[in-house]
Amino acid sequence: MTVDVNGREQELAPGATVATLLARLGLEAGYALVERNGEPVERARYADVELEEADRLVVARPVAGG
């Protein structure tokens, strides 16, 4: 299955979750913000939300500044 992550295509196995995607990208779930098809995904649900063909995701890591 193919999904769009920050404007780039990613190939994932069927049944992949947001948590699976983050692990593949080398990101820790607790430190990433995810938007799926224009809607935010709650961190507590990353392991439960299955991705679907052609989903569009925005993945961001918040950065503290000062």
PDB file of N, CA and C in Angstrom:
ATOM      1  N   MET A   1       0.849  -1.167   0.000  1.00  0.00           N
ATOM      2  CA  MET A   1       0.000   0.000   0.000  1.00  0.00           C
ATOM      3  C   MET A   1       0.895   1.231   0.000  1.00  0.00           C
ATOM      4  N   THR A   2       0.437   2.281  -0.639  1.00  0.00           N
ATOM      5  CA  THR A   2       1.205   3.516  -0.735  1.00  0.00           C
ATOM      6  C   THR A   2       0.471   4.633  -0.010  1.00  0.00           C
ATOM      7  N   VAL A   3       1.206   5.356   0.844  1.00  0.00           N
ATOM      8  CA  VAL A   3       0.669   6.532   1.522  1.00  0.00           C
ATOM      9  C   VAL A   3       1.602   7.702   1.243  1.00  0.00           C
ATOM     10  N   ASP A   4       1.088   8.908   1.398  1.00  0.00           N
ATOM     11  CA  ASP A   4       1.871  10.119   1.199  1.00  0.00           C
ATOM     12  C   ASP A   4       2.247  10.667   2.574  1.00  0.00           C
ATOM     13  N   VAL A   5       3.545  10.790   2.822  1.00  0.00           N
ATOM     14  CA  VAL A   5       4.028  11.311   4.099  1.00  0.00           C
ATOM     15  C   VAL A   5       4.857  12.549   3.822  1.00  0.00           C
ATOM     16  N   ASN A   6       4.344  13.689   4.247  1.00  0.00           N
ATOM     17  CA  ASN A   6       5.041  14.960   4.034  1.00  0.00           C
ATOM     18  C   ASN A   6       5.428  15.154   2.565  1.00  0.00           C
ATOM     19  N   GLY A   7       4.521  14.752   1.664  1.00  0.00           N
ATOM     20  CA  GLY A   7       4.747  14.959   0.243  1.00  0.00           C
ATOM     21  C   GLY A   7       5.570  13.889  -0.444  1.00  0.00           C
ATOM     22  N   ARG A   8       5.921  12.822   0.276  1.00  0.00           N
ATOM     23  CA  ARG A   8       6.713  11.743  -0.321  1.00  0.00           C
ATOM     24  C   ARG A   8       5.976  10.421  -0.154  1.00  0.00           C
ATOM     25  N   GLU A   9       6.027   9.602  -1.178  1.00  0.00           N
ATOM     26  CA  GLU A   9       5.361   8.312  -1.109  1.00  0.00           C
ATOM     27  C   GLU A   9       6.144   7.347  -0.234  1.00  0.00           C
ATOM     28  N   GLN A  10       5.400   6.586   0.562  1.00  0.00           N
ATOM     29  CA  GLN A  10       5.978   5.535   1.400  1.00  0.00           C
ATOM     30  C   GLN A  10       5.202   4.255   1.127  1.00  0.00           C
ATOM     31  N   GLU A  11       5.915   3.165   0.935  1.00  0.00           N
ATOM     32  CA  GLU A  11       5.286   1.853   0.754  1.00  0.00           C
ATOM     33  C   GLU A  11       5.208   1.186   2.124  1.00  0.00           C
ATOM     34  N   LEU A  12       4.007   0.728   2.477  1.00  0.00           N
ATOM     35  CA  LEU A  12       3.793   0.051   3.746  1.00  0.00           C
ATOM     36  C   LEU A  12       3.003  -1.227   3.505  1.00  0.00           C
ATOM     37  N   ALA A  13       3.146  -2.163   4.418  1.00  0.00           N
ATOM     38  CA  ALA A  13       2.375  -3.403   4.339  1.00  0.00           C
ATOM     39  C   ALA A  13       0.929  -3.113   4.716  1.00  0.00           C
ATOM     40  N   PRO A  14      -0.008  -3.837   4.142  1.00  0.00           N
ATOM     41  CA  PRO A  14      -1.412  -3.675   4.546  1.00  0.00           C
ATOM     42  C   PRO A  14      -1.556  -3.894   6.052  1.00  0.00           C
ATOM     43  N   GLY A  15      -2.396  -3.095   6.681  1.00  0.00           N
ATOM     44  CA  GLY A  15      -2.591  -3.198   8.119  1.00  0.00           C
ATOM     45  C   GLY A  15      -1.609  -2.378   8.941  1.00  0.00           C
ATOM     46  N   ALA A  16      -0.713  -1.653   8.269  1.00  0.00           N
ATOM     47  CA  ALA A  16       0.254  -0.817   8.982  1.00  0.00           C
ATOM     48  C   ALA A  16      -0.492   0.275   9.754  1.00  0.00           C
ATOM     49  N   THR A  17       0.031   0.603  10.912  1.00  0.00           N
ATOM     50  CA  THR A  17      -0.569   1.637  11.753  1.00  0.00           C
ATOM     51  C   THR A  17       0.303   2.888  11.743  1.00  0.00           C
ATOM     52  N   VAL A  18      -0.205   3.929  12.373  1.00  0.00           N
ATOM     53  CA  VAL A  18       0.588   5.152  12.524  1.00  0.00           C
ATOM     54  C   VAL A  18       1.877   4.819  13.278  1.00  0.00           C
ATOM     55  N   ALA A  19       1.786   3.988  14.317  1.00  0.00           N
ATOM     56  CA  ALA A  19       2.979   3.604  15.083  1.00  0.00           C
ATOM     57  C   ALA A  19       3.989   2.870  14.201  1.00  0.00           C
ATOM     58  N   THR A  20       3.515   2.001  13.317  1.00  0.00           N
ATOM     59  CA  THR A  20       4.384   1.287  12.386  1.00  0.00           C
ATOM     60  C   THR A  20       5.125   2.276  11.497  1.00  0.00           C
ATOM     61  N   LEU A  21       4.395   3.244  10.982  1.00  0.00           N
ATOM     62  CA  LEU A  21       5.001   4.259  10.119  1.00  0.00           C
ATOM     63  C   LEU A  21       6.073   5.046  10.864  1.00  0.00           C
ATOM     64  N   LEU A  22       5.761   5.484  12.068  1.00  0.00           N
ATOM     65  CA  LEU A  22       6.729   6.267  12.837  1.00  0.00           C
ATOM     66  C   LEU A  22       7.993   5.459  13.111  1.00  0.00           C
ATOM     67  N   ALA A  23       7.831   4.181  13.440  1.00  0.00           N
ATOM     68  CA  ALA A  23       8.996   3.324  13.677  1.00  0.00           C
ATOM     69  C   ALA A  23       9.840   3.218  12.409  1.00  0.00           C
ATOM     70  N   ARG A  24       9.184   3.078  11.282  1.00  0.00           N
ATOM     71  CA  ARG A  24       9.898   2.986  10.008  1.00  0.00           C
ATOM     72  C   ARG A  24      10.670   4.269   9.707  1.00  0.00           C
ATOM     73  N   LEU A  25      10.100   5.396  10.115  1.00  0.00           N
ATOM     74  CA  LEU A  25      10.758   6.685   9.901  1.00  0.00           C
ATOM     75  C   LEU A  25      11.811   6.979  10.963  1.00  0.00           C
ATOM     76  N   GLY A  26      11.927   6.113  11.964  1.00  0.00           N
ATOM     77  CA  GLY A  26      12.912   6.311  13.027  1.00  0.00           C
ATOM     78  C   GLY A  26      12.498   7.351  14.046  1.00  0.00           C
ATOM     79  N   LEU A  27      11.192   7.541  14.200  1.00  0.00           N
ATOM     80  CA  LEU A  27      10.674   8.532  15.148  1.00  0.00           C
ATOM     81  C   LEU A  27       9.991   7.830  16.316  1.00  0.00           C
ATOM     82  N   GLU A  28      10.168   8.379  17.497  1.00  0.00           N
ATOM     83  CA  GLU A  28       9.467   7.860  18.662  1.00  0.00           C
ATOM     84  C   GLU A  28       8.072   8.467  18.693  1.00  0.00           C
ATOM     85  N   ALA A  29       7.079   7.624  18.943  1.00  0.00           N
ATOM     86  CA  ALA A  29       5.685   8.061  18.906  1.00  0.00           C
ATOM     87  C   ALA A  29       5.410   9.214  19.864  1.00  0.00           C
ATOM     88  N   GLY A  30       6.050   9.216  21.017  1.00  0.00           N
ATOM     89  CA  GLY A  30       5.811  10.265  21.996  1.00  0.00           C
ATOM     90  C   GLY A  30       6.328  11.628  21.583  1.00  0.00           C
ATOM     91  N   TYR A  31       7.178  11.642  20.554  1.00  0.00           N
ATOM     92  CA  TYR A  31       7.777  12.910  20.128  1.00  0.00           C
ATOM     93  C   TYR A  31       7.389  13.300  18.715  1.00  0.00           C
ATOM     94  N   ALA A  32       6.278  12.748  18.220  1.00  0.00           N
ATOM     95  CA  ALA A  32       5.841  13.079  16.868  1.00  0.00           C
ATOM     96  C   ALA A  32       4.371  13.467  16.883  1.00  0.00           C
ATOM     97  N   LEU A  33       4.049  14.439  16.067  1.00  0.00           N
ATOM     98  CA  LEU A  33       2.658  14.839  15.866  1.00  0.00           C
ATOM     99  C   LEU A  33       2.253  14.363  14.480  1.00  0.00           C
ATOM    100  N   VAL A  34       1.053  13.778  14.384  1.00  0.00           N
ATOM    101  CA  VAL A  34       0.615  13.214  13.110  1.00  0.00           C
ATOM    102  C   VAL A  34      -0.766  13.745  12.750  1.00  0.00           C
ATOM    103  N   GLU A  35      -0.888  14.130  11.498  1.00  0.00           N
ATOM    104  CA  GLU A  35      -2.175  14.528  10.925  1.00  0.00           C
ATOM    105  C   GLU A  35      -2.446  13.577   9.772  1.00  0.00           C
ATOM    106  N   ARG A  36      -3.646  12.988   9.760  1.00  0.00           N
ATOM    107  CA  ARG A  36      -4.028  12.040   8.711  1.00  0.00           C
ATOM    108  C   ARG A  36      -5.220  12.598   7.950  1.00  0.00           C
ATOM    109  N   ASN A  37      -5.035  12.821   6.674  1.00  0.00           N
ATOM    110  CA  ASN A  37      -6.096  13.351   5.811  1.00  0.00           C
ATOM    111  C   ASN A  37      -6.725  14.609   6.399  1.00  0.00           C
ATOM    112  N   GLY A  38      -5.881  15.472   6.955  1.00  0.00           N
ATOM    113  CA  GLY A  38      -6.346  16.757   7.471  1.00  0.00           C
ATOM    114  C   GLY A  38      -6.858  16.739   8.895  1.00  0.00           C
ATOM    115  N   GLU A  39      -6.851  15.568   9.541  1.00  0.00           N
ATOM    116  CA  GLU A  39      -7.347  15.459  10.914  1.00  0.00           C
ATOM    117  C   GLU A  39      -6.218  15.000  11.837  1.00  0.00           C
ATOM    118  N   PRO A  40      -6.074  15.624  13.010  1.00  0.00           N
ATOM    119  CA  PRO A  40      -5.037  15.179  13.930  1.00  0.00           C
ATOM    120  C   PRO A  40      -5.339  13.791  14.470  1.00  0.00           C
ATOM    121  N   VAL A  41      -4.270  13.018  14.717  1.00  0.00           N
ATOM    122  CA  VAL A  41      -4.396  11.693  15.310  1.00  0.00           C
ATOM    123  C   VAL A  41      -3.891  11.793  16.745  1.00  0.00           C
ATOM    124  N   GLU A  42      -4.678  11.332  17.697  1.00  0.00           N
ATOM    125  CA  GLU A  42      -4.272  11.360  19.106  1.00  0.00           C
ATOM    126  C   GLU A  42      -3.114  10.392  19.321  1.00  0.00           C
ATOM    127  N   ARG A  43      -2.105  10.814  20.058  1.00  0.00           N
ATOM    128  CA  ARG A  43      -0.941   9.958  20.317  1.00  0.00           C
ATOM    129  C   ARG A  43      -1.338   8.618  20.921  1.00  0.00           C
ATOM    130  N   ALA A  44      -2.321   8.622  21.798  1.00  0.00           N
ATOM    131  CA  ALA A  44      -2.751   7.394  22.461  1.00  0.00           C
ATOM    132  C   ALA A  44      -3.313   6.379  21.466  1.00  0.00           C
ATOM    133  N   ARG A  45      -3.655   6.820  20.266  1.00  0.00           N
ATOM    134  CA  ARG A  45      -4.264   5.930  19.268  1.00  0.00           C
ATOM    135  C   ARG A  45      -3.310   5.535  18.139  1.00  0.00           C
ATOM    136  N   TYR A  46      -2.049   5.958  18.189  1.00  0.00           N
ATOM    137  CA  TYR A  46      -1.109   5.675  17.105  1.00  0.00           C
ATOM    138  C   TYR A  46      -1.032   4.181  16.781  1.00  0.00           C
ATOM    139  N   ALA A  47      -1.054   3.321  17.791  1.00  0.00           N
ATOM    140  CA  ALA A  47      -0.941   1.879  17.559  1.00  0.00           C
ATOM    141  C   ALA A  47      -2.242   1.275  17.043  1.00  0.00           C
ATOM    142  N   ASP A  48      -3.345   1.993  17.171  1.00  0.00           N
ATOM    143  CA  ASP A  48      -4.654   1.471  16.778  1.00  0.00           C
ATOM    144  C   ASP A  48      -5.133   1.958  15.415  1.00  0.00           C
ATOM    145  N   VAL A  49      -4.634   3.088  14.960  1.00  0.00           N
ATOM    146  CA  VAL A  49      -5.122   3.683  13.714  1.00  0.00           C
ATOM    147  C   VAL A  49      -4.412   3.039  12.527  1.00  0.00           C
ATOM    148  N   GLU A  50      -5.176   2.224  11.774  1.00  0.00           N
ATOM    149  CA  GLU A  50      -4.623   1.577  10.588  1.00  0.00           C
ATOM    150  C   GLU A  50      -4.675   2.535   9.403  1.00  0.00           C
ATOM    151  N   LEU A  51      -3.580   2.563   8.680  1.00  0.00           N
ATOM    152  CA  LEU A  51      -3.501   3.422   7.506  1.00  0.00           C
ATOM    153  C   LEU A  51      -4.137   2.731   6.312  1.00  0.00           C
ATOM    154  N   GLU A  52      -4.611   3.526   5.374  1.00  0.00           N
ATOM    155  CA  GLU A  52      -5.264   3.010   4.172  1.00  0.00           C
ATOM    156  C   GLU A  52      -4.576   3.560   2.937  1.00  0.00           C
ATOM    157  N   GLU A  53      -4.732   2.851   1.844  1.00  0.00           N
ATOM    158  CA  GLU A  53      -4.167   3.263   0.560  1.00  0.00           C
ATOM    159  C   GLU A  53      -4.501   4.725   0.285  1.00  0.00           C
ATOM    160  N   ALA A  54      -3.493   5.480  -0.126  1.00  0.00           N
ATOM    161  CA  ALA A  54      -3.617   6.884  -0.521  1.00  0.00           C
ATOM    162  C   ALA A  54      -3.866   7.851   0.635  1.00  0.00           C
ATOM    163  N   ASP A  55      -3.716   7.393   1.887  1.00  0.00           N
ATOM    164  CA  ASP A  55      -3.793   8.338   3.005  1.00  0.00           C
ATOM    165  C   ASP A  55      -2.727   9.405   2.821  1.00  0.00           C
ATOM    166  N   ARG A  56      -3.048  10.613   3.264  1.00  0.00           N
ATOM    167  CA  ARG A  56      -2.091  11.717   3.236  1.00  0.00           C
ATOM    168  C   ARG A  56      -1.768  12.072   4.667  1.00  0.00           C
ATOM    169  N   LEU A  57      -0.499  11.981   5.024  1.00  0.00           N
ATOM    170  CA  LEU A  57      -0.088  12.228   6.406  1.00  0.00           C
ATOM    171  C   LEU A  57       0.938  13.361   6.467  1.00  0.00           C
ATOM    172  N   VAL A  58       0.830  14.106   7.539  1.00  0.00           N
ATOM    173  CA  VAL A  58       1.823  15.108   7.874  1.00  0.00           C
ATOM    174  C   VAL A  58       2.408  14.660   9.209  1.00  0.00           C
ATOM    175  N   VAL A  59       3.713  14.478   9.238  1.00  0.00           N
ATOM    176  CA  VAL A  59       4.395  14.060  10.458  1.00  0.00           C
ATOM    177  C   VAL A  59       5.367  15.166  10.840  1.00  0.00           C
ATOM    178  N   ALA A  60       5.259  15.616  12.073  1.00  0.00           N
ATOM    179  CA  ALA A  60       6.128  16.705  12.545  1.00  0.00           C
ATOM    180  C   ALA A  60       6.660  16.374  13.921  1.00  0.00           C
ATOM    181  N   ARG A  61       7.841  16.874  14.189  1.00  0.00           N
ATOM    182  CA  ARG A  61       8.429  16.756  15.522  1.00  0.00           C
ATOM    183  C   ARG A  61       8.475  18.140  16.128  1.00  0.00           C
ATOM    184  N   PRO A  62       7.769  18.330  17.255  1.00  0.00           N
ATOM    185  CA  PRO A  62       7.818  19.640  17.887  1.00  0.00           C
ATOM    186  C   PRO A  62       9.233  19.951  18.400  1.00  0.00           C
ATOM    187  N   VAL A  63       9.601  21.205  18.291  1.00  0.00           N
ATOM    188  CA  VAL A  63      10.925  21.640  18.725  1.00  0.00           C
ATOM    189  C   VAL A  63      10.739  22.788  19.712  1.00  0.00           C
ATOM    190  N   ALA A  64      11.357  22.643  20.853  1.00  0.00           N
ATOM    191  CA  ALA A  64      11.285  23.720  21.847  1.00  0.00           C
ATOM    192  C   ALA A  64      12.290  24.809  21.464  1.00  0.00           C
ATOM    193  N   GLY A  65      11.881  26.024  21.692  1.00  0.00           N
ATOM    194  CA  GLY A  65      12.771  27.133  21.360  1.00  0.00           C
ATOM    195  C   GLY A  65      12.802  28.137  22.493  1.00  0.00           C
ATOM    196  N   GLY A  66      13.634  29.071  22.329  1.00  0.00           N
ATOM    197  CA  GLY A  66      13.682  30.048  23.393  1.00  0.00           C
ATOM    198  C   GLY A  66      14.470  31.242  23.027  1.00  0.00           C
TER     199      GLY A  66
END
